[in-house]
Protein backbone atom coordinates (compact mmCIF):
# COMPACT_ATOMS: atom_id res chain seq x y z
CA MET A 1 -0.81 -0.98 -18.50
CA ILE A 2 1.80 1.75 -18.10
CA HIS A 3 4.32 1.49 -15.27
CA THR A 4 6.37 4.47 -14.16
CA GLN A 5 8.42 4.89 -11.04
CA PRO A 6 7.84 8.19 -9.20
CA ASN A 7 11.15 9.95 -8.56
CA ASN A 8 13.15 6.73 -8.79
CA MET A 9 11.59 5.07 -5.73
CA PRO A 10 12.25 1.32 -5.69
CA GLY A 11 9.15 -0.74 -4.87
CA ILE A 12 6.73 2.05 -5.82
CA GLN A 13 5.23 2.50 -9.26
CA LYS A 14 2.42 4.42 -10.86
CA ILE A 15 0.33 2.08 -12.97
CA ASN A 16 -2.60 2.83 -15.23
CA HIS A 17 -5.72 0.65 -15.07
CA LYS A 18 -8.74 1.47 -17.19
CA GLY A 19 -7.55 5.04 -17.58
CA LYS A 20 -6.96 5.71 -13.87
CA GLU A 21 -3.65 6.07 -12.06
CA ILE A 22 -2.90 3.69 -9.19
CA ILE A 23 0.08 3.90 -6.84
CA TYR A 24 1.42 0.34 -6.68
CA ILE A 25 3.55 -0.59 -3.66
CA ASP A 26 5.35 -3.91 -4.10
CA TYR A 27 6.72 -5.57 -0.96
CA ARG A 28 6.79 -9.09 -2.48
CA ASN A 29 9.73 -11.22 -1.41
CA LYS A 30 11.51 -8.28 0.24
CA SER A 31 13.60 -8.34 3.40
CA GLU A 32 12.53 -6.30 6.41
CA GLU A 33 15.17 -3.68 5.55
CA GLU A 34 13.92 -3.39 1.96
CA MET A 35 10.31 -3.17 3.18
CA LEU A 36 11.20 -0.34 5.56
CA GLU A 37 12.99 1.48 2.74
CA ILE A 38 9.93 1.16 0.49
CA ALA A 39 7.61 2.32 3.29
CA SER A 40 9.86 5.31 3.93
CA SER A 41 9.75 6.21 0.23
CA LEU A 42 5.97 5.84 0.30
CA ARG A 43 5.81 8.22 3.28
CA ASP A 44 7.88 10.81 1.42
CA PHE A 45 5.73 10.42 -1.69
CA LEU A 46 2.43 10.75 0.20
CA LEU A 47 3.56 13.82 2.12
CA SER A 48 4.81 15.47 -1.07
CA ASP A 49 1.57 14.71 -2.98
CA PRO A 50 -1.25 14.64 -0.39
CA GLY A 51 -4.16 14.63 -2.86
CA HIS A 52 -6.61 11.75 -3.19
CA HIS A 53 -5.10 8.68 -4.77
CA LEU A 54 -5.71 5.01 -5.42
CA ARG A 55 -3.26 2.67 -3.71
CA LEU A 56 -2.57 -1.02 -4.32
CA VAL A 57 -0.22 -2.81 -1.93
CA ASN A 58 1.16 -6.29 -2.58
CA ILE A 59 2.54 -8.08 0.50
CA THR A 60 2.61 -11.61 -0.92
CA ASP A 61 5.31 -13.72 0.79
CA THR A 62 6.48 -10.91 3.07
CA PRO A 63 7.19 -11.16 6.78
CA ALA A 64 4.95 -9.18 9.14
CA THR A 65 7.80 -8.19 11.45
CA ARG A 66 7.25 -6.09 14.56
CA LYS A 67 9.53 -3.33 13.29
CA PHE A 68 7.76 -3.09 9.92
CA THR A 69 4.29 -3.28 11.47
CA ALA A 70 5.20 -0.51 13.94
CA TYR A 71 6.54 1.64 11.09
CA ILE A 72 3.37 1.13 9.03
CA ARG A 73 1.26 2.06 12.07
CA GLU A 74 3.20 5.32 12.45
CA LEU A 75 2.96 5.97 8.70
CA GLY A 76 -0.80 5.49 8.94
CA LYS A 77 -1.07 8.01 11.77
CA GLU A 78 1.10 10.51 9.92
CA THR A 79 -0.84 10.24 6.65
CA LYS A 80 -4.35 9.55 7.96
CA ASP A 81 -5.71 12.83 6.58
CA ILE A 82 -4.58 12.03 3.03
CA PRO A 83 -7.62 10.70 1.16
CA VAL A 84 -7.07 7.23 -0.28
CA ARG A 85 -8.97 4.30 -1.71
CA GLY A 86 -6.80 1.29 -0.97
CA ALA A 87 -6.53 -2.38 -1.80
CA ILE A 88 -4.08 -4.99 -0.59
CA VAL A 89 -3.19 -8.45 -1.88
CA GLY A 90 -1.23 -11.20 -0.19
CA ILE A 91 -3.09 -11.01 3.12
CA THR A 92 -3.35 -14.37 4.87
CA GLY A 93 -3.77 -15.65 8.42
CA ALA A 94 -2.37 -13.34 11.07
CA LYS A 95 -1.87 -10.54 8.55
CA LYS A 96 -5.67 -10.32 8.15
CA VAL A 97 -6.00 -9.75 11.89
CA LEU A 98 -3.28 -7.04 11.75
CA LEU A 99 -5.02 -5.34 8.82
CA SER A 100 -8.37 -5.42 10.58
CA GLY A 101 -6.82 -3.82 13.68
CA TYR A 102 -5.01 -1.22 11.57
CA ASN A 103 -8.23 -0.28 9.75
CA ARG A 104 -10.16 0.01 13.03
CA LEU A 105 -7.50 1.98 14.91
CA LEU A 106 -6.56 4.41 12.17
CA GLY A 107 -9.70 4.48 10.09
CA GLY A 108 -7.70 2.79 7.35
CA ALA A 109 -9.20 2.14 3.96
CA MET A 110 -7.18 -0.90 2.92
CA ARG A 111 -9.47 -3.63 1.59
CA PRO A 112 -8.02 -7.15 1.13
CA PHE A 113 -8.25 -9.01 -2.21
CA ASP A 114 -7.11 -12.43 -3.42
CA ASP A 115 -5.54 -11.14 -6.64
CA GLU A 116 -4.26 -7.93 -8.20
CA GLU A 117 -6.79 -7.80 -11.02
CA SER A 118 -9.76 -7.80 -8.60
CA ALA A 119 -8.02 -5.20 -6.46
CA LYS A 120 -7.37 -2.91 -9.46
CA ASP A 121 -10.98 -3.27 -10.65
CA TYR A 122 -12.22 -2.32 -7.18
CA LEU A 123 -9.93 0.71 -7.02
CA VAL A 124 -11.14 2.17 -10.34
CA SER A 125 -14.82 1.24 -9.82
CA GLN A 126 -15.84 4.69 -8.52
């Protein structure tokens, strides 16, 4: 698997899985400030490259703070027309409810998985 970081953006990598490129967003064990910085970089990346892409988000052991959740909601509204096939790992308890609401409200395409390997296989399956 090849890992490259687009334009030196911490927390965001391009990975290759079975010959397909996946944008990997890693929020694991990050503070709220670091998570907001990563989300802001993701926003900039998506708006600069609005073509269809595969996205894997890892939120294992991250806080679902109000500020971060509000930012992600706004990011979703701003980028809702960018085609994406998405997977997310690290979703438990209340975060599943938040994801479900996000997907319903914004037509989100983030599907939860228990592990990264299953998520990557799903992303490249079509």
